[in-house]
C-alpha cells in the first residue's frame, strides 16, 4: 500500500485535501535538489533513487523513507526557519507525510518493548493507535485529484483508489483483530504486534522455496513438498544441541593459502618533497562563513557525536563543557527527548 500511495502521489503531482490545501510532489524534488547542491542531507535519507523510483518501484524501503517524519521535518525547517521561497506553502505536504508515517508505524509494530508509535497495540496504547488510524482514514478519504477533464474528484473514486482502500482496510482490520485477540474475555494475547499480520513472511518464504529448486523457480507439487520438508527440517535444527559439542578452537581441514606473505626488510630513505608556492593549494573552504543550512546539519551531527562521547567522558567539567542549555532551532525541531545540545565550541570544532 505504501508503494502504491507513493506511485499515485508522484504520478498525480498535486493532491488536494478536504479543506482545499495542496500536497505537492514538487517539494520533495526541491528538497532533494537542495541537498544535492549543499552536499549534506538535512537528517533524512532522501536521495535521487527516491525521486526516480520507477527504476526501483518494488523496493519498499524507498517509499518508507520518503513518507517519513525526517523528510517532513526538513521541509518544515526549510520553510519556517530558512525561508526558502521554493518551499513556501508546504505545510499540507508536511502534515500528509507525518500522517502516513505515523500510520505506517502503528501498522508495522514488531517489538513488544517498542516505544512511541512503534509500540504494540495494548490497553495502554489502544486509544492513541485508534486516534492515529482514524485521522489517517479521514485524511485519505478527503484526498482529491484532477481527472482527465481537469476536474477535482475524490481519489478513492478513481482508478488510483487501491492505496486509499488498502490503508483504510488495514486500519479497521488491525483494530478489530486487536479487540478479538486482546480485549474479549479469555483472550489469548496481551498485546498485538501488527507486523505479524503483514505478508512479508510469505514474501520471504516463497523465495526460500524457490531457492531449494535451483534453476527451477516453478516447482510442481512433489518438488514443493520436498522443498517444504527440507525447510521444516532445517528450521528444527538448532545450533549447539547435538551430542558432539565444540569445546575448543581447533580448526579442522585448515590449509595454508598459496600466496603466503613473506616478511622482508626494505630500507626506505626519507625523501624531502619541495613544493613551489604555486603548487600549494589555497582554495580551502571557509568554515567561518557557512550557510544556515550547513550550520543546521553540522549542529545535528555534533549532537549525535556528543551523545556518543558523554558516556565515555569521566571528567565532570569536561562532560559539562560538551553541552549547553541553548540549541540550534533545527535541533529543537528534531528533538524527541534524546538529542544532546552541543556547545558552541564543539560545533566550531
Protein backbone atom coordinates (compact mmCIF):
# COMPACT_ATOMS: atom_id res chain seq x y z
CA UNK A 1 0.00 0.00 0.00
CA UNK A 2 2.86 2.37 0.80
CA UNK A 3 4.42 1.88 -2.63
CA UNK A 4 1.08 2.37 -4.39
CA UNK A 5 0.45 5.58 -2.45
CA UNK A 6 3.91 6.85 -3.41
CA UNK A 7 3.27 5.96 -7.05
CA UNK A 8 -0.09 7.75 -7.10
CA UNK A 9 1.34 10.81 -5.34
CA UNK A 10 4.25 11.09 -7.77
CA UNK A 11 2.13 10.47 -10.87
CA UNK A 12 -0.55 12.99 -9.91
CA UNK A 13 1.97 15.61 -8.83
CA UNK A 14 -0.62 17.54 -6.81
CA UNK A 15 -3.19 16.20 -4.34
CA UNK A 16 -5.78 18.40 -2.68
CA UNK A 17 -7.10 17.93 0.83
CA UNK A 18 -10.68 18.27 2.00
CA UNK A 19 -10.10 21.88 3.09
CA UNK A 20 -8.54 22.91 -0.24
CA UNK A 21 -4.83 22.73 0.67
CA UNK A 22 -2.41 21.28 -1.87
CA UNK A 23 0.04 18.42 -1.33
CA UNK A 24 2.79 18.77 -3.92
CA UNK A 25 5.41 16.26 -5.08
CA UNK A 26 7.45 19.26 -6.21
CA UNK A 27 8.51 19.96 -2.61
CA UNK A 28 10.12 16.52 -2.41
CA UNK A 29 12.06 17.20 -5.59
CA UNK A 30 13.14 20.64 -4.39
CA UNK A 31 14.41 19.19 -1.11
CA UNK A 32 16.47 16.63 -2.99
CA UNK A 33 17.90 19.35 -5.26
CA UNK A 34 18.84 21.44 -2.23
CA UNK A 35 20.56 18.54 -0.52
CA UNK A 36 22.47 17.62 -3.67
CA UNK A 37 23.58 21.23 -4.05
CA UNK A 38 24.73 21.63 -0.43
CA UNK A 39 26.37 18.21 -0.29
CA UNK A 40 24.73 17.38 3.06
CA UNK A 41 21.39 15.81 3.87
CA UNK A 42 19.15 17.51 6.39
CA UNK A 43 18.81 14.50 8.71
CA UNK A 44 16.90 12.33 6.23
CA UNK A 45 17.62 9.58 3.72
CA UNK A 46 16.14 11.28 0.67
CA UNK A 47 18.24 10.65 -2.45
CA UNK A 48 17.82 10.60 -6.20
CA UNK A 49 16.62 6.98 -6.00
CA UNK A 50 13.53 8.16 -4.11
CA UNK A 51 12.73 10.68 -6.85
CA UNK A 52 13.40 8.31 -9.76
CA UNK A 53 11.52 5.47 -8.09
CA UNK A 54 10.30 3.95 -11.36
CA UNK A 55 13.63 2.20 -11.81
CA UNK A 56 13.24 0.52 -8.40
CA UNK A 57 9.50 0.54 -7.86
CA UNK A 58 9.42 -2.76 -5.93
CA UNK A 59 11.68 -1.60 -3.07
CA UNK A 60 9.52 -0.83 -0.07
CA UNK A 61 12.22 1.00 1.89
CA UNK A 62 12.33 3.77 -0.72
CA UNK A 63 8.65 4.51 -0.13
CA UNK A 64 9.01 4.19 3.65
CA UNK A 65 11.95 6.61 3.72
CA UNK A 66 10.01 9.08 1.57
CA UNK A 67 6.92 9.08 3.82
CA UNK A 68 8.92 9.78 6.97
CA UNK A 69 8.88 12.39 9.69
CA UNK A 70 12.53 13.23 8.92
CA UNK A 71 11.59 14.41 5.42
CA UNK A 72 8.65 16.32 6.92
CA UNK A 73 10.95 17.99 9.47
CA UNK A 74 13.37 19.00 6.72
CA UNK A 75 10.59 20.58 4.65
CA UNK A 76 9.20 22.42 7.67
CA UNK A 77 12.63 23.76 8.62
CA UNK A 78 13.33 24.97 5.08
CA UNK A 79 10.03 26.84 5.02
CA UNK A 80 9.84 28.30 8.53
CA UNK A 81 13.48 28.86 9.54
CA UNK A 82 15.43 29.15 6.29
CA UNK A 83 12.57 30.91 4.44
CA UNK A 84 13.43 29.37 1.09
CA UNK A 85 10.86 30.50 -1.49
CA UNK A 86 10.66 27.11 -3.22
CA UNK A 87 9.21 25.57 -0.03
CA UNK A 88 6.58 28.22 0.64
CA UNK A 89 3.19 26.63 1.33
CA UNK A 90 4.43 23.11 2.11
CA UNK A 91 2.54 22.81 5.42
CA UNK A 92 -0.09 20.48 3.93
CA UNK A 93 2.63 18.27 2.43
CA UNK A 94 4.41 18.11 5.80
CA UNK A 95 1.20 17.12 7.57
CA UNK A 96 0.45 14.47 4.93
CA UNK A 97 3.92 12.90 5.26
CA UNK A 98 3.64 12.78 9.04
CA UNK A 99 0.17 11.24 8.92
CA UNK A 100 1.27 8.46 6.58
CA UNK A 101 4.44 7.87 8.61
CA UNK A 102 2.51 7.56 11.87
CA UNK A 103 0.00 5.19 10.27
CA UNK A 104 2.79 3.02 8.88
CA UNK A 105 4.46 2.82 12.30
CA UNK A 106 1.24 1.78 14.02
CA UNK A 107 0.56 -0.89 11.37
CA UNK A 108 4.16 -2.15 11.45
CA UNK A 109 4.89 -2.66 15.17
CA UNK A 110 7.17 -5.65 15.71
CA UNK A 111 8.83 -5.22 19.11
CA UNK A 112 6.85 -5.97 22.31
CA UNK A 113 9.00 -3.40 24.12
CA UNK A 114 8.70 -0.73 21.43
CA UNK A 115 8.01 2.84 22.45
CA UNK A 116 6.07 5.67 20.92
CA UNK A 117 4.30 4.92 17.67
CA UNK A 118 6.25 1.65 17.30
CA UNK A 119 4.75 0.20 20.48
CA UNK A 120 2.38 -2.78 20.18
CA UNK A 121 -1.34 -2.21 20.42
CA UNK A 122 -2.35 -2.93 24.02
CA UNK A 123 -4.83 -1.45 26.50
CA UNK A 124 -2.50 1.45 27.34
CA UNK A 125 -1.84 2.36 23.68
CA UNK A 126 -5.16 1.45 22.08
CA UNK A 127 -6.61 4.96 22.30
CA UNK A 128 -3.59 6.57 20.66
CA UNK A 129 -3.45 3.93 17.92
CA UNK A 130 -7.16 4.29 17.18
CA UNK A 131 -6.87 8.09 17.02
CA UNK A 132 -3.94 7.88 14.57
CA UNK A 133 -5.70 5.38 12.32
CA UNK A 134 -8.96 7.35 12.32
CA UNK A 135 -7.08 10.54 11.47
CA UNK A 136 -5.33 8.76 8.60
CA UNK A 137 -8.64 7.40 7.31
CA UNK A 138 -10.18 10.86 7.35
CA UNK A 139 -7.14 12.34 5.59
CA UNK A 140 -7.04 9.68 2.88
CA UNK A 141 -10.78 9.82 2.27
CA UNK A 142 -10.57 13.56 1.67
CA UNK A 143 -7.79 13.46 -0.92
CA UNK A 144 -8.77 14.82 -4.32
CA UNK A 145 -7.02 14.56 -7.68
CA UNK A 146 -7.68 16.01 -11.11
CA UNK A 147 -9.19 13.68 -13.69
CA UNK A 148 -8.76 13.76 -17.46
CA UNK A 149 -11.31 16.58 -17.68
CA UNK A 150 -9.20 18.65 -15.26
CA UNK A 151 -11.91 18.41 -12.61
CA UNK A 152 -11.22 17.61 -8.97
CA UNK A 153 -12.61 14.24 -7.89
CA UNK A 154 -12.08 12.15 -4.80
CA UNK A 155 -9.11 9.86 -5.21
CA UNK A 156 -10.98 6.88 -3.77
CA UNK A 157 -13.47 7.20 -6.64
CA UNK A 158 -10.81 6.89 -9.37
CA UNK A 159 -8.62 4.08 -10.64
CA UNK A 160 -6.00 5.16 -8.08
CA UNK A 161 -8.21 4.09 -5.19
CA UNK A 162 -6.19 0.97 -4.28
CA UNK A 163 -3.82 2.55 -1.70
CA UNK A 164 -6.70 4.53 -0.14
CA UNK A 165 -8.91 1.47 0.27
CA UNK A 166 -5.94 -0.65 1.35
CA UNK A 167 -4.88 1.67 4.16
CA UNK A 168 -8.45 2.02 5.40
CA UNK A 169 -8.96 -1.76 5.33
CA UNK A 170 -5.69 -2.36 7.19
CA UNK A 171 -6.57 0.25 9.82
CA UNK A 172 -10.02 -1.14 10.54
CA UNK A 173 -8.80 -4.74 10.45
CA UNK A 174 -5.99 -4.00 12.89
CA UNK A 175 -8.35 -2.54 15.49
CA UNK A 176 -10.90 -5.35 15.03
CA UNK A 177 -8.24 -8.05 15.34
CA UNK A 178 -6.94 -6.37 18.49
CA UNK A 179 -10.40 -6.36 20.04
CA UNK A 180 -10.85 -10.02 19.13
CA UNK A 181 -7.46 -11.29 20.35
CA UNK A 182 -6.76 -8.99 23.30
CA UNK A 183 -9.91 -7.39 24.71
CA UNK A 184 -12.53 -10.11 24.59
CA UNK A 185 -12.98 -12.40 27.63
CA UNK A 186 -10.39 -15.19 27.85
CA UNK A 187 -8.38 -13.52 25.09
CA UNK A 188 -5.23 -15.45 24.09
CA UNK A 189 -2.97 -12.37 23.73
CA UNK A 190 -1.88 -9.48 25.93
CA UNK A 191 -0.93 -7.22 23.01
CA UNK A 192 -0.95 -7.18 19.21
CA UNK A 193 2.14 -6.83 17.03
CA UNK A 194 0.71 -5.64 13.74
CA UNK A 195 3.81 -6.66 11.76
CA UNK A 196 2.80 -10.29 12.33
CA UNK A 197 -0.25 -9.63 10.15
CA UNK A 198 1.74 -8.44 7.13
CA UNK A 199 2.56 -10.51 4.06
CA UNK A 200 6.31 -10.05 4.48
CA UNK A 201 6.56 -13.54 5.94
CA UNK A 202 5.06 -15.09 2.81
CA UNK A 203 7.29 -12.97 0.60
CA UNK A 204 10.32 -14.31 2.47
CA UNK A 205 9.03 -17.89 2.46
CA UNK A 206 8.37 -18.12 -1.28
CA UNK A 207 11.97 -17.22 -2.29
CA UNK A 208 13.21 -19.84 0.18
CA UNK A 209 11.07 -22.47 -1.55
CA UNK A 210 12.23 -21.34 -4.98
CA UNK A 211 15.86 -21.43 -3.86
CA UNK A 212 15.53 -25.13 -3.00
CA UNK A 213 14.74 -25.86 -6.63
CA UNK A 214 17.92 -24.32 -8.03
CA UNK A 215 17.25 -23.01 -11.52
CA UNK A 216 13.65 -24.25 -11.40
CA UNK A 217 11.58 -21.44 -9.87
CA UNK A 218 8.22 -23.01 -10.75
CA UNK A 219 8.09 -26.32 -8.82
CA UNK A 220 5.36 -28.92 -9.16
CA UNK A 221 3.55 -30.48 -6.20
CA UNK A 222 6.21 -33.13 -5.50
CA UNK A 223 9.07 -30.64 -5.70
CA UNK A 224 7.24 -28.22 -3.42
CA UNK A 225 6.65 -31.00 -0.88
CA UNK A 226 10.34 -31.89 -0.88
CA UNK A 227 11.41 -28.26 -0.55
CA UNK A 228 8.90 -27.72 2.26
CA UNK A 229 10.20 -30.78 4.13
CA UNK A 230 13.77 -29.54 3.85
CA UNK A 231 12.75 -26.14 5.16
CA UNK A 232 10.97 -27.75 8.12
CA UNK A 233 13.98 -29.94 8.95
CA UNK A 234 16.36 -27.03 8.68
CA UNK A 235 14.09 -24.92 10.83
CA UNK A 236 14.19 -27.54 13.62
CA UNK A 237 17.99 -27.84 13.66
CA UNK A 238 19.31 -25.60 16.39
CA UNK A 239 22.87 -24.55 16.91
CA UNK A 240 24.75 -26.37 19.66
CA UNK A 241 22.15 -29.06 20.56
CA UNK A 242 23.96 -32.12 19.16
CA UNK A 243 25.78 -34.79 21.14
CA UNK A 244 29.16 -33.53 19.92
CA UNK A 245 29.82 -30.03 21.17
CA UNK A 246 32.65 -27.69 20.26
CA UNK A 247 34.95 -27.44 23.29
CA UNK A 248 37.99 -25.64 21.87
CA UNK A 249 39.04 -23.52 18.92
CA UNK A 250 40.76 -26.30 16.96
CA UNK A 251 40.49 -25.77 13.22
CA UNK A 252 39.81 -28.84 11.10
CA UNK A 253 40.97 -29.15 7.48
CA UNK A 254 42.91 -25.95 7.66
CA UNK A 255 45.02 -25.05 4.65
CA UNK A 256 47.74 -22.54 4.02
CA UNK A 257 47.00 -20.05 1.25
CA UNK A 258 49.21 -20.24 -1.79
CA UNK A 259 50.10 -16.56 -1.68
CA UNK A 260 51.84 -16.65 1.71
CA UNK A 261 53.11 -13.30 2.92
CA UNK A 262 56.89 -13.27 3.36
CA UNK A 263 58.19 -10.55 5.62
CA UNK A 264 61.06 -8.67 4.08
CA UNK A 265 63.03 -5.72 5.28
CA UNK A 266 63.29 -2.75 2.99
CA UNK A 267 65.36 0.26 3.81
CA UNK A 268 63.47 3.37 2.80
CA UNK A 269 65.32 6.62 2.85
CA UNK A 270 63.25 9.73 3.63
CA UNK A 271 62.78 11.96 0.63
CA UNK A 272 62.03 15.61 1.12
CA UNK A 273 59.47 16.83 -1.36
CA UNK A 274 59.65 20.51 -2.04
CA UNK A 275 56.60 22.33 -3.30
CA UNK A 276 56.72 25.60 -5.07
CA UNK A 277 54.49 28.41 -3.95
CA UNK A 278 52.21 27.93 -6.95
CA UNK A 279 51.68 24.25 -6.11
CA UNK A 280 50.42 24.87 -2.58
CA UNK A 281 46.59 24.63 -2.56
CA UNK A 282 44.88 27.82 -1.49
CA UNK A 283 41.20 27.12 -2.17
CA UNK A 284 40.36 25.79 1.29
CA UNK A 285 36.71 26.11 2.37
CA UNK A 286 35.94 29.00 4.67
CA UNK A 287 34.47 27.34 7.76
CA UNK A 288 33.61 30.71 9.29
CA UNK A 289 31.10 31.58 6.57
CA UNK A 290 28.85 28.54 6.39
CA UNK A 291 25.28 28.79 5.19
CA UNK A 292 22.39 28.41 7.61
CA UNK A 293 21.60 25.07 6.00
CA UNK A 294 25.07 23.67 6.71
CA UNK A 295 25.05 25.08 10.23
CA UNK A 296 21.86 23.15 10.92
CA UNK A 297 23.28 19.90 9.56
CA UNK A 298 26.58 20.30 11.42
CA UNK A 299 24.73 21.06 14.67
CA UNK A 300 22.68 17.89 14.29
CA UNK A 301 25.77 15.77 13.55
CA UNK A 302 27.58 17.34 16.50
CA UNK A 303 24.67 16.48 18.78
CA UNK A 304 24.97 12.84 17.77
CA UNK A 305 28.74 12.90 18.41
CA UNK A 306 28.22 14.44 21.85
CA UNK A 307 25.63 11.77 22.67
CA UNK A 308 28.21 9.06 21.92
CA UNK A 309 31.01 10.86 23.77
CA UNK A 310 29.26 11.67 27.06
CA UNK A 311 29.14 8.07 28.42
CA UNK A 312 32.90 7.77 27.84
CA UNK A 313 33.91 11.06 29.45
CA UNK A 314 34.54 10.61 33.17
CA UNK A 315 35.70 14.15 33.92
CA UNK A 316 32.68 16.11 35.13
CA UNK A 317 33.84 19.58 33.94
CA UNK A 318 34.74 18.09 30.56
CA UNK A 319 31.33 16.44 30.30
CA UNK A 320 29.57 19.70 31.13
CA UNK A 321 31.65 21.53 28.52
CA UNK A 322 30.26 19.28 25.78
CA UNK A 323 26.68 20.55 26.08
CA UNK A 324 24.86 23.82 26.57
CA UNK A 325 21.39 24.97 27.57
CA UNK A 326 20.58 26.55 24.21
CA UNK A 327 20.31 24.60 20.97
CA UNK A 328 20.06 25.25 17.27
CA UNK A 329 16.46 25.68 16.02
CA UNK A 330 16.81 22.56 13.87
CA UNK A 331 17.74 20.53 16.94
CA UNK A 332 14.67 21.86 18.74
CA UNK A 333 12.55 20.72 15.80
CA UNK A 334 14.12 17.26 15.69
CA UNK A 335 14.30 16.72 19.44
CA UNK A 336 12.14 13.84 20.65
CA UNK A 337 13.84 13.69 24.03
CA UNK A 338 17.15 12.01 23.18
CA UNK A 339 19.14 14.65 21.28
CA UNK A 340 22.03 16.31 23.09
CA UNK A 341 22.51 20.07 22.79
CA UNK A 342 26.17 20.59 21.83
CA UNK A 343 28.11 23.61 22.99
CA UNK A 344 29.30 26.29 20.59
CA UNK A 345 32.92 25.18 20.97
CA UNK A 346 32.17 21.59 19.95
CA UNK A 347 30.18 22.80 16.95
CA UNK A 348 33.08 25.04 15.89
CA UNK A 349 35.49 22.11 16.08
